[in-house]
Amino acid sequence: MFWAAGRLIKDNIDPVTMTLTINPNDVFTALFAIMFGASHLGYATAFGPDMGKAMAAAKRIFKIKDYPSEIDAIQIDED
């Protein structure tokens, strides 16, 4: 990655004026953002199985919640 960044900087030097047409700070900021983003994505994927278990548990809870009860406190039996 650093080789590619160095190559990008080298290829963006204007041969006539010998000035950079790209800011090296922007290149390295982008590289570090990619590296940190990839590492944190790796950490986040470790919680995938836990998220699956949580979703399955939530489905079971809502299934129990939606089950009709024999006791209805709102409707009064006239008999």
C-alpha atoms as a PDB file:
ATOM      1  CA  MET A   1       0.000   0.000   0.000  1.00  0.00           C
ATOM      2  CA  PHE A   2       2.783   2.387   0.866  1.00  0.00           C
ATOM      3  CA  TRP A   3       4.564   1.453  -2.366  1.00  0.00           C
ATOM      4  CA  ALA A   4       1.413   2.371  -4.311  1.00  0.00           C
ATOM      5  CA  ALA A   5       1.160   5.657  -2.438  1.00  0.00           C
ATOM      6  CA  GLY A   6       4.798   6.480  -3.190  1.00  0.00           C
ATOM      7  CA  ARG A   7       4.258   5.590  -6.827  1.00  0.00           C
ATOM      8  CA  LEU A   8       1.157   7.806  -6.952  1.00  0.00           C
ATOM      9  CA  ILE A   9       3.114  10.718  -5.541  1.00  0.00           C
ATOM     10  CA  LYS A  10       6.047  10.065  -7.895  1.00  0.00           C
ATOM     11  CA  ASP A  11       3.773   9.865 -10.950  1.00  0.00           C
ATOM     12  CA  ASN A  12       2.121  13.174 -10.090  1.00  0.00           C
ATOM     13  CA  ILE A  13       5.272  15.289 -10.211  1.00  0.00           C
ATOM     14  CA  ASP A  14       5.154  17.831 -13.008  1.00  0.00           C
ATOM     15  CA  PRO A  15       8.438  17.270 -14.929  1.00  0.00           C
ATOM     16  CA  VAL A  16       8.653  20.887 -16.114  1.00  0.00           C
ATOM     17  CA  THR A  17       8.161  22.699 -12.801  1.00  0.00           C
ATOM     18  CA  MET A  18       9.139  19.731 -10.553  1.00  0.00           C
ATOM     19  CA  THR A  19       6.104  20.386  -8.337  1.00  0.00           C
ATOM     20  CA  LEU A  20       3.563  17.914  -7.090  1.00  0.00           C
ATOM     21  CA  THR A  21       0.106  17.973  -8.605  1.00  0.00           C
ATOM     22  CA  ILE A  22      -1.197  15.907  -5.694  1.00  0.00           C
ATOM     23  CA  ASN A  23      -0.867  16.570  -1.973  1.00  0.00           C
ATOM     24  CA  PRO A  24       1.084  13.748  -0.234  1.00  0.00           C
ATOM     25  CA  ASN A  25      -0.801  14.413   3.010  1.00  0.00           C
ATOM     26  CA  ASP A  26      -4.072  13.597   1.266  1.00  0.00           C
ATOM     27  CA  VAL A  27      -2.632  10.344  -0.090  1.00  0.00           C
ATOM     28  CA  PHE A  28      -1.426   9.169   3.309  1.00  0.00           C
ATOM     29  CA  THR A  29      -4.630  10.329   5.015  1.00  0.00           C
ATOM     30  CA  ALA A  30      -6.599   8.192   2.576  1.00  0.00           C
ATOM     31  CA  LEU A  31      -4.274   5.223   3.140  1.00  0.00           C
ATOM     32  CA  PHE A  32      -4.573   5.400   6.910  1.00  0.00           C
ATOM     33  CA  ALA A  33      -8.351   5.779   6.625  1.00  0.00           C
ATOM     34  CA  ILE A  34      -8.483   2.617   4.508  1.00  0.00           C
ATOM     35  CA  MET A  35      -6.254   0.684   6.924  1.00  0.00           C
ATOM     36  CA  PHE A  36      -8.124   1.732  10.064  1.00  0.00           C
ATOM     37  CA  GLY A  37     -11.494   1.225   8.400  1.00  0.00           C
ATOM     38  CA  ALA A  38     -10.555  -2.289   7.298  1.00  0.00           C
ATOM     39  CA  SER A  39      -9.237  -3.240  10.729  1.00  0.00           C
ATOM     40  CA  HIS A  40     -12.336  -1.957  12.498  1.00  0.00           C
ATOM     41  CA  LEU A  41     -14.569  -3.729  10.006  1.00  0.00           C
ATOM     42  CA  GLY A  42     -12.737  -6.908  10.946  1.00  0.00           C
ATOM     43  CA  TYR A  43     -13.441  -6.259  14.608  1.00  0.00           C
ATOM     44  CA  ALA A  44     -17.114  -5.579  13.886  1.00  0.00           C
ATOM     45  CA  THR A  45     -17.603  -8.827  11.945  1.00  0.00           C
ATOM     46  CA  ALA A  46     -16.628 -10.771  15.062  1.00  0.00           C
ATOM     47  CA  PHE A  47     -20.042  -9.841  16.480  1.00  0.00           C
ATOM     48  CA  GLY A  48     -21.947 -11.335  13.513  1.00  0.00           C
ATOM     49  CA  PRO A  49     -22.920 -14.601  15.239  1.00  0.00           C
ATOM     50  CA  ASP A  50     -24.100 -12.679  18.298  1.00  0.00           C
ATOM     51  CA  MET A  51     -26.273 -10.469  16.107  1.00  0.00           C
ATOM     52  CA  GLY A  52     -27.832 -13.572  14.528  1.00  0.00           C
ATOM     53  CA  LYS A  53     -28.616 -15.021  17.950  1.00  0.00           C
ATOM     54  CA  ALA A  54     -30.119 -11.715  19.083  1.00  0.00           C
ATOM     55  CA  MET A  55     -32.359 -11.528  16.010  1.00  0.00           C
ATOM     56  CA  ALA A  56     -33.570 -15.106  16.549  1.00  0.00           C
ATOM     57  CA  ALA A  57     -34.306 -14.361  20.218  1.00  0.00           C
ATOM     58  CA  ALA A  58     -36.218 -11.198  19.282  1.00  0.00           C
ATOM     59  CA  LYS A  59     -38.347 -13.157  16.802  1.00  0.00           C
ATOM     60  CA  ARG A  60     -39.219 -15.683  19.504  1.00  0.00           C
ATOM     61  CA  ILE A  61     -40.086 -12.917  21.962  1.00  0.00           C
ATOM     62  CA  PHE A  62     -42.369 -11.137  19.469  1.00  0.00           C
ATOM     63  CA  LYS A  63     -44.013 -14.461  18.558  1.00  0.00           C
ATOM     64  CA  ILE A  64     -44.880 -14.990  22.235  1.00  0.00           C
ATOM     65  CA  LYS A  65     -46.044 -11.370  22.537  1.00  0.00           C
ATOM     66  CA  ASP A  66     -48.357 -11.658  19.524  1.00  0.00           C
ATOM     67  CA  TYR A  67     -49.933 -14.910  20.736  1.00  0.00           C
ATOM     68  CA  PRO A  68     -53.578 -14.245  21.671  1.00  0.00           C
ATOM     69  CA  SER A  69     -54.339 -14.597  25.366  1.00  0.00           C
ATOM     70  CA  GLU A  70     -57.394 -16.366  26.748  1.00  0.00           C
ATOM     71  CA  ILE A  71     -57.738 -13.606  29.345  1.00  0.00           C
ATOM     72  CA  ASP A  72     -59.083 -10.410  27.808  1.00  0.00           C
ATOM     73  CA  ALA A  73     -59.280  -7.557  30.306  1.00  0.00           C
ATOM     74  CA  ILE A  74     -60.939  -5.202  27.850  1.00  0.00           C
ATOM     75  CA  GLN A  75     -63.906  -7.278  26.797  1.00  0.00           C
ATOM     76  CA  ILE A  76     -66.416  -7.923  29.607  1.00  0.00           C
ATOM     77  CA  ASP A  77     -68.405 -11.118  29.529  1.00  0.00           C
ATOM     78  CA  GLU A  78     -72.138 -10.387  29.927  1.00  0.00           C
ATOM     79  CA  ASP A  79     -72.998 -13.865  31.257  1.00  0.00           C
END
